[in-house]
Amino acid sequence: DLRLGAMLSGGLDSSSIVGIVRERFRQELKEPLRTYSLVRMDRENCKEWPHVQAMLEGGWLTPTILTTDAPARGQPAFLMDAGCWDEPFPVTHGLTYGLVYDAAARDGCRAVLDGMAGDLLFLGLEGSLDWAVRKRSISSIQAARHAYAGHEVPGFWRDLAIRGAASVAPAVIRQGWRAMKGMARFRSPEISLLRRDKSIPWLEARLGDLETRGRRMGTETELARHAGRYTSGLVSFAHETYGQIAFAAGVEPRSPFSDRRVVEFALCLHPRQKLADTWYKGLLRAAMVGYLPDKVLWRQDLGNHPGWQAYRAMFGVVLRPQMAPCALNAVMASVADWVDGEQLRKALSRAPDGNDYYLRQRLFTIFSLANWVEKSGSPNAA
């Protein structure tokens, strides 16, 4: 009797879940599976849209298509109710998930499936090249080169040169390289918007933790390295953050690729089965033959759904009403202990008409944090 929904981005992970439900479990559901897809308003330029369409052509799906102008038609509930969260992360990180869960709740869905953590089951292109260089496997290096080319990802020879040099460099050189990369973070655009007297000590402590982890990873087994991706906090943070939004909307989130049985299966695979061996997630693609249309099954481009331009457009819509001077004053009153007011004003002057996705993301995060601090009413929130 459960009305079931599923996220459908057009990528391999969410499409695999939808394909399996459609082919294997339709007899157990009283109505077609409801799907939720987020695409750009200019669909003809959206890489996700043709693949979403290919999935919908298979039938037995009731689609809801959300576009990047959705926030302009009304602020999502999770943003309006920022003060109800114990932590600010649903506000700062939950824009796209919040749109989907709001839509699913309106449709009466009790549970929504997602493809979260599918990327952690396998090694990506760079991870596969790392493994191949560590193992001195010429055939695996060649397979990684084919994967870079097949997925139209540039930089193979640069990445190979960096990893090759690192594999023969003395420990002191590798340590110096990591320290140099760490120092570059002090000049990052994210840090430039923060007060240095607060941000630098925090970043130094964080870099110390990363350095310790980097040294430890050098002595870990391949199994421990893979398991570390699940215990690093990446998955738990996502579930805790998006789960709050879903439950607040009355929807139960379900993530099949985060299921313990799936994780244990992935960890037990031979490393070569996890490699981007000509194809990223080759094992999953092989398993999905007959469940997915070829257009999705052998999709070449790899990107962040629904794409950087879509996120930039959504951030711009949400930020527009907050560009006024009075809004800036309210922001500074909430987060003045951390945010550099002069740098924030300079960033705002570039944001309305600029195409810098990362700038809009940073501004969205700062405004969202300020909104949460103001509405939460907690004296220690900032």
Protein backbone atom coordinates (compact mmCIF):
# COMPACT_ATOMS: atom_id res chain seq x y z
CA ASP A 1 0.00 0.00 0.00
CA LEU A 2 3.05 2.25 0.12
CA ARG A 3 3.28 5.01 -2.47
CA LEU A 4 6.91 4.82 -3.51
CA GLY A 5 9.06 7.45 -5.16
CA ALA A 6 12.60 7.51 -6.50
CA MET A 7 15.07 10.15 -7.54
CA LEU A 8 15.98 9.89 -11.22
CA SER A 9 18.88 12.03 -12.36
CA GLY A 10 19.65 10.18 -15.56
CA GLY A 11 22.94 8.98 -14.09
CA LEU A 12 23.88 5.34 -13.64
CA ASP A 13 23.17 5.02 -9.90
CA SER A 14 19.64 6.40 -9.64
CA SER A 15 18.71 4.89 -13.01
CA SER A 16 19.86 1.45 -11.85
CA ILE A 17 17.57 1.63 -8.83
CA VAL A 18 14.62 2.78 -10.93
CA GLY A 19 15.34 0.10 -13.55
CA ILE A 20 15.42 -2.70 -10.99
CA VAL A 21 12.20 -1.59 -9.29
CA ARG A 22 10.47 -1.30 -12.67
CA GLU A 23 11.57 -4.71 -13.92
CA ARG A 24 11.59 -6.77 -10.74
CA PHE A 25 9.08 -5.29 -8.29
CA ARG A 26 6.26 -3.77 -10.29
CA GLN A 27 3.96 -6.66 -9.32
CA GLU A 28 4.42 -5.77 -5.66
CA LEU A 29 3.35 -2.14 -6.10
CA LYS A 30 -0.22 -1.03 -6.75
CA GLU A 31 0.77 1.89 -8.97
CA PRO A 32 3.70 2.96 -11.16
CA LEU A 33 6.84 4.21 -9.48
CA ARG A 34 6.92 7.99 -9.06
CA THR A 35 10.19 9.57 -10.15
CA TYR A 36 11.65 12.99 -9.41
CA SER A 37 14.15 14.60 -11.74
CA LEU A 38 15.86 17.99 -11.51
CA VAL A 39 16.90 19.52 -14.82
CA ARG A 40 17.83 22.91 -16.18
CA MET A 41 15.14 25.22 -17.52
CA ASP A 42 16.84 25.17 -20.92
CA ARG A 43 16.40 21.43 -21.28
CA GLU A 44 17.99 21.31 -24.72
CA ASN A 45 21.32 22.26 -23.07
CA CYS A 46 20.91 19.98 -20.04
CA LYS A 47 23.00 16.81 -20.23
CA GLU A 48 20.69 15.06 -17.78
CA TRP A 49 17.46 15.55 -19.73
CA PRO A 50 18.05 13.13 -22.69
CA HIS A 51 18.97 10.37 -20.24
CA VAL A 52 15.96 11.04 -18.03
CA GLN A 53 13.80 10.86 -21.17
CA ALA A 54 15.38 7.55 -22.16
CA MET A 55 14.40 6.09 -18.78
CA LEU A 56 10.86 7.44 -19.00
CA GLU A 57 10.35 5.88 -22.43
CA GLY A 58 10.50 2.47 -20.75
CA GLY A 59 7.11 3.16 -19.13
CA TRP A 60 5.59 2.31 -15.74
CA LEU A 61 6.87 5.55 -14.24
CA THR A 62 4.96 8.64 -13.13
CA PRO A 63 7.49 11.45 -13.55
CA THR A 64 7.77 14.82 -11.85
CA ILE A 65 10.22 17.15 -13.56
CA LEU A 66 11.62 19.93 -11.39
CA THR A 67 13.50 22.77 -13.06
CA THR A 68 16.12 25.16 -11.77
CA ASP A 69 13.58 27.98 -11.42
CA ALA A 70 11.68 25.99 -8.76
CA PRO A 71 12.94 28.16 -5.86
CA ALA A 72 11.62 31.26 -7.67
CA ARG A 73 8.07 29.87 -7.45
CA GLY A 74 8.25 29.74 -3.67
CA GLN A 75 10.99 29.18 -1.10
CA PRO A 76 11.28 25.49 -0.19
CA ALA A 77 9.89 24.67 3.25
CA PHE A 78 13.24 23.60 4.67
CA LEU A 79 14.67 27.08 3.90
CA MET A 80 11.67 28.90 5.29
CA ASP A 81 11.84 26.86 8.51
CA ALA A 82 15.60 27.28 8.99
CA GLY A 83 15.24 27.86 12.72
CA CYS A 84 13.76 24.42 13.37
CA TRP A 85 17.01 22.58 12.62
CA ASP A 86 19.41 21.67 15.42
CA GLU A 87 22.26 22.22 12.93
CA PRO A 88 22.50 24.50 9.89
CA PHE A 89 23.59 21.84 7.41
CA PRO A 90 20.14 20.98 6.03
CA VAL A 91 19.92 24.64 5.01
CA THR A 92 23.42 24.96 3.56
CA HIS A 93 23.62 21.56 1.83
CA GLY A 94 20.03 20.50 1.19
CA LEU A 95 18.78 22.68 -1.66
CA THR A 96 18.20 20.00 -4.31
CA TYR A 97 17.14 17.27 -1.89
CA GLY A 98 14.74 19.66 -0.21
CA LEU A 99 13.04 20.40 -3.53
CA VAL A 100 12.60 16.69 -4.22
CA TYR A 101 11.30 15.77 -0.77
CA ASP A 102 8.83 18.67 -0.83
CA ALA A 103 7.50 17.47 -4.20
CA ALA A 104 7.32 13.85 -3.02
CA ALA A 105 5.43 14.85 0.10
CA ARG A 106 2.88 16.75 -1.98
CA ASP A 107 2.37 13.60 -4.06
CA GLY A 108 1.75 11.51 -0.96
CA CYS A 109 4.93 9.43 -1.18
CA ARG A 110 5.86 7.66 2.03
CA ALA A 111 9.37 6.73 0.94
CA VAL A 112 11.84 7.97 -1.69
CA LEU A 113 14.75 5.92 -3.06
CA ASP A 114 18.00 7.65 -3.98
CA GLY A 115 21.35 6.70 -5.50
CA MET A 116 23.44 8.11 -2.66
CA ALA A 117 26.85 6.49 -2.07
CA GLY A 118 26.90 4.71 -5.43
CA ASP A 119 30.20 6.44 -6.20
CA LEU A 120 31.81 4.90 -3.11
CA LEU A 121 31.31 1.33 -4.31
CA PHE A 122 33.94 1.72 -7.02
CA LEU A 123 37.17 3.56 -7.67
CA GLY A 124 36.88 6.66 -9.81
CA LEU A 125 39.19 7.51 -12.67
CA GLU A 126 41.87 9.08 -10.48
CA GLY A 127 41.50 6.39 -7.83
CA SER A 128 41.93 3.71 -10.49
CA LEU A 129 45.08 5.41 -11.74
CA ASP A 130 46.37 5.62 -8.16
CA TRP A 131 45.90 1.88 -7.74
CA ALA A 132 47.52 1.08 -11.09
CA VAL A 133 50.60 3.17 -10.31
CA ARG A 134 50.97 1.73 -6.80
CA LYS A 135 50.78 -1.80 -8.23
CA ARG A 136 53.05 -0.94 -11.18
CA SER A 137 50.38 -2.46 -13.46
CA ILE A 138 50.96 -1.36 -17.05
CA SER A 139 47.71 -2.97 -18.25
CA SER A 140 45.68 -1.16 -15.58
CA ILE A 141 47.36 2.14 -16.45
CA GLN A 142 46.38 1.60 -20.08
CA ALA A 143 42.81 0.75 -19.02
CA ALA A 144 42.67 3.95 -16.98
CA ARG A 145 43.84 5.91 -20.02
CA HIS A 146 41.01 4.42 -22.06
CA ALA A 147 38.55 5.32 -19.28
CA TYR A 148 39.76 8.94 -19.24
CA ALA A 149 39.36 9.11 -23.02
CA GLY A 150 36.05 7.25 -23.13
CA HIS A 151 34.50 9.48 -20.49
CA GLU A 152 35.99 12.59 -22.09
CA VAL A 153 37.92 13.53 -18.95
CA PRO A 154 41.12 15.53 -19.67
CA GLY A 155 44.38 15.41 -17.76
CA PHE A 156 45.39 11.75 -17.89
CA TRP A 157 49.06 12.36 -18.64
CA ARG A 158 49.30 15.09 -16.01
CA ASP A 159 47.70 12.84 -13.39
CA LEU A 160 49.96 9.95 -14.38
CA ALA A 161 53.07 12.14 -14.13
CA ILE A 162 52.10 13.41 -10.66
CA ARG A 163 51.38 9.91 -9.35
CA GLY A 164 54.47 8.45 -10.97
CA ALA A 165 56.67 11.11 -9.39
CA ALA A 166 55.00 10.62 -6.01
CA SER A 167 55.56 6.86 -6.14
CA VAL A 168 59.37 7.24 -6.39
CA ALA A 169 59.85 10.42 -4.34
CA PRO A 170 61.41 10.14 -0.85
CA ALA A 171 59.05 10.47 2.11
CA VAL A 172 60.38 13.94 2.96
CA ILE A 173 59.53 15.18 -0.54
CA ARG A 174 56.00 13.78 -0.35
CA GLN A 175 55.53 15.38 3.05
CA GLY A 176 56.73 18.74 1.70
CA TRP A 177 54.35 18.46 -1.27
CA ARG A 178 51.39 17.81 1.04
CA ALA A 179 52.44 20.78 3.18
CA MET A 180 52.61 23.02 0.11
CA LYS A 181 49.14 21.93 -0.98
CA GLY A 182 47.91 22.61 2.52
CA MET A 183 49.33 26.12 2.51
CA ALA A 184 47.48 26.84 -0.74
CA ARG A 185 44.23 26.40 1.17
CA PHE A 186 45.05 29.50 3.20
CA ARG A 187 44.69 31.48 -0.04
CA SER A 188 41.50 29.76 -1.19
CA PRO A 189 38.44 31.87 -2.11
CA GLU A 190 36.45 30.24 0.69
CA ILE A 191 38.88 31.51 3.31
CA SER A 192 38.99 34.99 1.75
CA LEU A 193 35.41 35.69 2.91
CA LEU A 194 36.21 34.80 6.53
CA ARG A 195 38.03 36.70 9.22
CA ARG A 196 41.57 35.41 9.26
CA ASP A 197 41.91 35.57 13.04
CA LYS A 198 39.17 32.93 13.27
CA SER A 199 39.60 30.91 10.10
CA ILE A 200 43.38 30.38 10.11
CA PRO A 201 43.60 28.58 13.50
CA TRP A 202 40.67 26.37 12.51
CA LEU A 203 42.24 25.54 9.15
CA GLU A 204 45.61 24.76 10.74
CA ALA A 205 43.97 22.24 13.05
CA ARG A 206 42.04 20.73 10.14
CA LEU A 207 45.17 20.40 7.99
CA GLY A 208 46.92 18.69 10.88
CA ASP A 209 44.17 16.08 10.97
CA LEU A 210 44.42 15.57 7.21
CA GLU A 211 48.20 15.19 7.39
CA THR A 212 47.84 12.50 10.06
CA ARG A 213 45.29 10.67 7.93
CA GLY A 214 47.52 10.96 4.85
CA ARG A 215 50.43 9.31 6.65
CA ARG A 216 48.16 6.55 7.95
CA MET A 217 46.72 5.84 4.50
CA GLY A 218 50.22 5.14 3.20
CA THR A 219 50.40 2.02 5.38
CA GLU A 220 46.81 0.79 4.95
CA THR A 221 45.67 -2.21 2.94
CA GLU A 222 43.46 -1.73 -0.11
CA LEU A 223 40.49 -3.03 1.90
CA ALA A 224 41.15 -0.54 4.70
CA ARG A 225 41.45 2.30 2.19
CA HIS A 226 38.07 1.42 0.69
CA ALA A 227 36.41 0.98 4.08
CA GLY A 228 37.80 4.34 5.13
CA ARG A 229 35.66 6.03 2.50
CA TYR A 230 32.57 4.85 4.38
CA THR A 231 33.85 5.69 7.86
CA SER A 232 35.27 9.12 7.00
CA GLY A 233 31.97 10.85 7.75
CA LEU A 234 31.10 11.50 4.10
CA VAL A 235 28.16 9.06 4.04
CA SER A 236 26.96 9.67 7.59
CA PHE A 237 26.96 13.44 7.06
CA ALA A 238 24.82 13.09 3.93
CA HIS A 239 22.33 10.74 5.59
CA GLU A 240 22.04 12.87 8.70
CA THR A 241 21.63 16.06 6.69
CA TYR A 242 19.22 14.90 3.98
CA GLY A 243 17.42 12.59 6.39
CA GLN A 244 16.37 15.54 8.54
CA ILE A 245 14.82 17.26 5.51
CA ALA A 246 13.03 14.11 4.38
CA PHE A 247 11.57 13.22 7.77
CA ALA A 248 10.49 16.83 8.34
CA ALA A 249 8.52 16.55 5.08
CA GLY A 250 6.98 13.25 6.18
CA VAL A 251 9.04 11.17 3.75
CA GLU A 252 11.34 8.26 4.56
CA PRO A 253 14.62 8.33 2.59
CA ARG A 254 16.00 4.99 1.38
CA SER A 255 19.50 4.57 -0.07
CA PRO A 256 20.06 1.06 -1.48
CA PHE A 257 23.74 1.68 -2.21
CA SER A 258 24.27 2.51 1.48
CA ASP A 259 22.70 -0.75 2.62
CA ARG A 260 25.12 -2.68 4.80
CA ARG A 261 24.86 -5.78 2.59
CA VAL A 262 25.74 -3.80 -0.53
CA VAL A 263 28.66 -2.08 1.22
CA GLU A 264 30.05 -5.39 2.49
CA PHE A 265 29.71 -6.90 -0.98
CA ALA A 266 31.61 -3.97 -2.51
CA LEU A 267 34.39 -4.18 0.09
CA CYS A 268 34.86 -7.88 -0.62
CA LEU A 269 35.28 -7.40 -4.36
CA HIS A 270 38.74 -7.84 -5.84
CA PRO A 271 40.31 -4.41 -6.42
CA ARG A 272 40.39 -4.98 -10.17
CA GLN A 273 36.59 -5.28 -10.20
CA LYS A 274 36.34 -1.81 -8.68
CA LEU A 275 38.62 -0.12 -11.21
CA ALA A 276 37.55 2.20 -14.00
CA ASP A 277 38.75 -0.43 -16.45
CA THR A 278 37.86 1.27 -19.73
CA TRP A 279 34.46 2.11 -18.15
CA TYR A 280 33.77 3.76 -14.80
CA LYS A 281 31.63 1.41 -12.66
CA GLY A 282 32.09 -1.28 -15.27
CA LEU A 283 30.75 -4.03 -12.99
CA LEU A 284 27.52 -2.13 -12.32
CA ARG A 285 27.07 -1.40 -16.01
CA ALA A 286 27.46 -5.09 -16.83
CA ALA A 287 24.92 -6.02 -14.14
CA MET A 288 22.38 -3.52 -15.50
CA VAL A 289 22.25 -4.89 -19.04
CA GLY A 290 18.58 -5.49 -19.75
CA TYR A 291 17.46 -3.09 -17.03
CA LEU A 292 18.61 0.18 -18.56
CA PRO A 293 18.46 1.64 -22.08
CA ASP A 294 21.83 1.75 -23.81
CA LYS A 295 21.81 5.55 -23.79
CA VAL A 296 21.97 5.48 -19.99
CA LEU A 297 23.93 2.25 -19.60
CA TRP A 298 26.85 3.50 -21.70
CA ARG A 299 26.62 7.17 -20.84
CA GLN A 300 30.04 8.78 -21.24
CA ASP A 301 29.93 12.14 -19.48
CA LEU A 302 30.58 12.24 -15.76
CA GLY A 303 29.26 15.21 -13.83
CA ASN A 304 27.63 16.49 -10.71
CA HIS A 305 23.85 16.25 -11.04
CA PRO A 306 22.15 18.44 -12.16
CA GLY A 307 25.27 20.26 -13.34
CA TRP A 308 27.19 23.32 -12.21
CA GLN A 309 25.16 25.70 -14.35
CA ALA A 310 21.93 24.43 -12.80
CA TYR A 311 23.28 24.98 -9.30
CA ARG A 312 24.51 28.44 -10.25
CA ALA A 313 21.03 29.36 -11.51
CA MET A 314 19.34 28.06 -8.36
CA PHE A 315 21.78 29.83 -6.06
CA GLY A 316 21.17 33.04 -8.00
CA VAL A 317 17.39 32.74 -7.56
CA VAL A 318 17.68 32.15 -3.83
CA LEU A 319 20.25 34.91 -3.35
CA ARG A 320 18.45 37.63 -5.34
CA PRO A 321 16.15 38.85 -2.55
CA GLN A 322 19.11 38.90 -0.18
CA MET A 323 21.27 41.26 -2.24
CA ALA A 324 19.76 44.44 -0.75
CA PRO A 325 21.91 46.46 1.71
CA CYS A 326 19.43 45.80 4.52
CA ALA A 327 19.84 42.07 3.99
CA LEU A 328 23.63 42.40 4.13
CA ASN A 329 23.40 44.28 7.41
CA ALA A 330 21.25 41.50 8.85
CA VAL A 331 23.77 38.89 7.71
CA MET A 332 26.68 40.72 9.29
CA ALA A 333 24.76 41.09 12.54
CA SER A 334 24.44 37.30 12.70
CA VAL A 335 27.89 36.11 11.57
CA ALA A 336 30.15 39.12 12.13
CA ASP A 337 32.43 37.07 14.37
CA TRP A 338 33.42 34.90 11.42
CA VAL A 339 32.72 36.76 8.17
CA ASP A 340 34.86 39.59 6.78
CA GLY A 341 32.29 42.28 5.96
CA GLU A 342 34.40 44.14 3.42
CA GLN A 343 35.24 40.97 1.47
CA LEU A 344 31.58 39.95 1.54
CA ARG A 345 30.53 43.30 0.05
CA LYS A 346 33.08 42.91 -2.75
CA ALA A 347 31.82 39.39 -3.46
CA LEU A 348 28.22 40.58 -3.57
CA SER A 349 29.10 43.22 -6.14
CA ARG A 350 30.27 40.43 -8.49
CA ALA A 351 27.55 37.89 -7.76
CA PRO A 352 24.32 39.11 -9.44
CA ASP A 353 25.55 39.07 -13.04
CA GLY A 354 28.66 36.93 -12.74
CA ASN A 355 29.02 33.33 -13.89
CA ASP A 356 31.18 32.16 -10.99
CA TYR A 357 29.41 29.08 -9.63
CA TYR A 358 31.72 28.80 -6.62
CA LEU A 359 31.18 32.43 -5.65
CA ARG A 360 27.42 31.97 -5.62
CA GLN A 361 27.81 28.76 -3.65
CA ARG A 362 29.88 30.51 -0.99
CA LEU A 363 27.42 33.38 -0.74
CA PHE A 364 24.48 30.99 -0.51
CA THR A 365 26.24 29.18 2.34
CA ILE A 366 26.96 32.39 4.25
CA PHE A 367 23.42 33.74 3.85
CA SER A 368 21.95 30.38 4.84
CA LEU A 369 24.13 30.18 7.95
CA ALA A 370 23.14 33.71 8.91
CA ASN A 371 19.48 32.85 8.40
CA TRP A 372 19.83 29.81 10.64
CA VAL A 373 21.71 31.74 13.35
CA GLU A 374 19.02 34.43 13.38
CA LYS A 375 16.04 32.06 13.41
CA SER A 376 17.43 29.41 15.73
CA GLY A 377 17.62 31.88 18.59
CA SER A 378 20.55 30.01 20.12
CA PRO A 379 23.11 32.30 21.79
CA ASN A 380 25.87 29.84 20.87
CA ALA A 381 24.73 29.24 17.28
CA ALA A 382 27.36 31.44 15.65
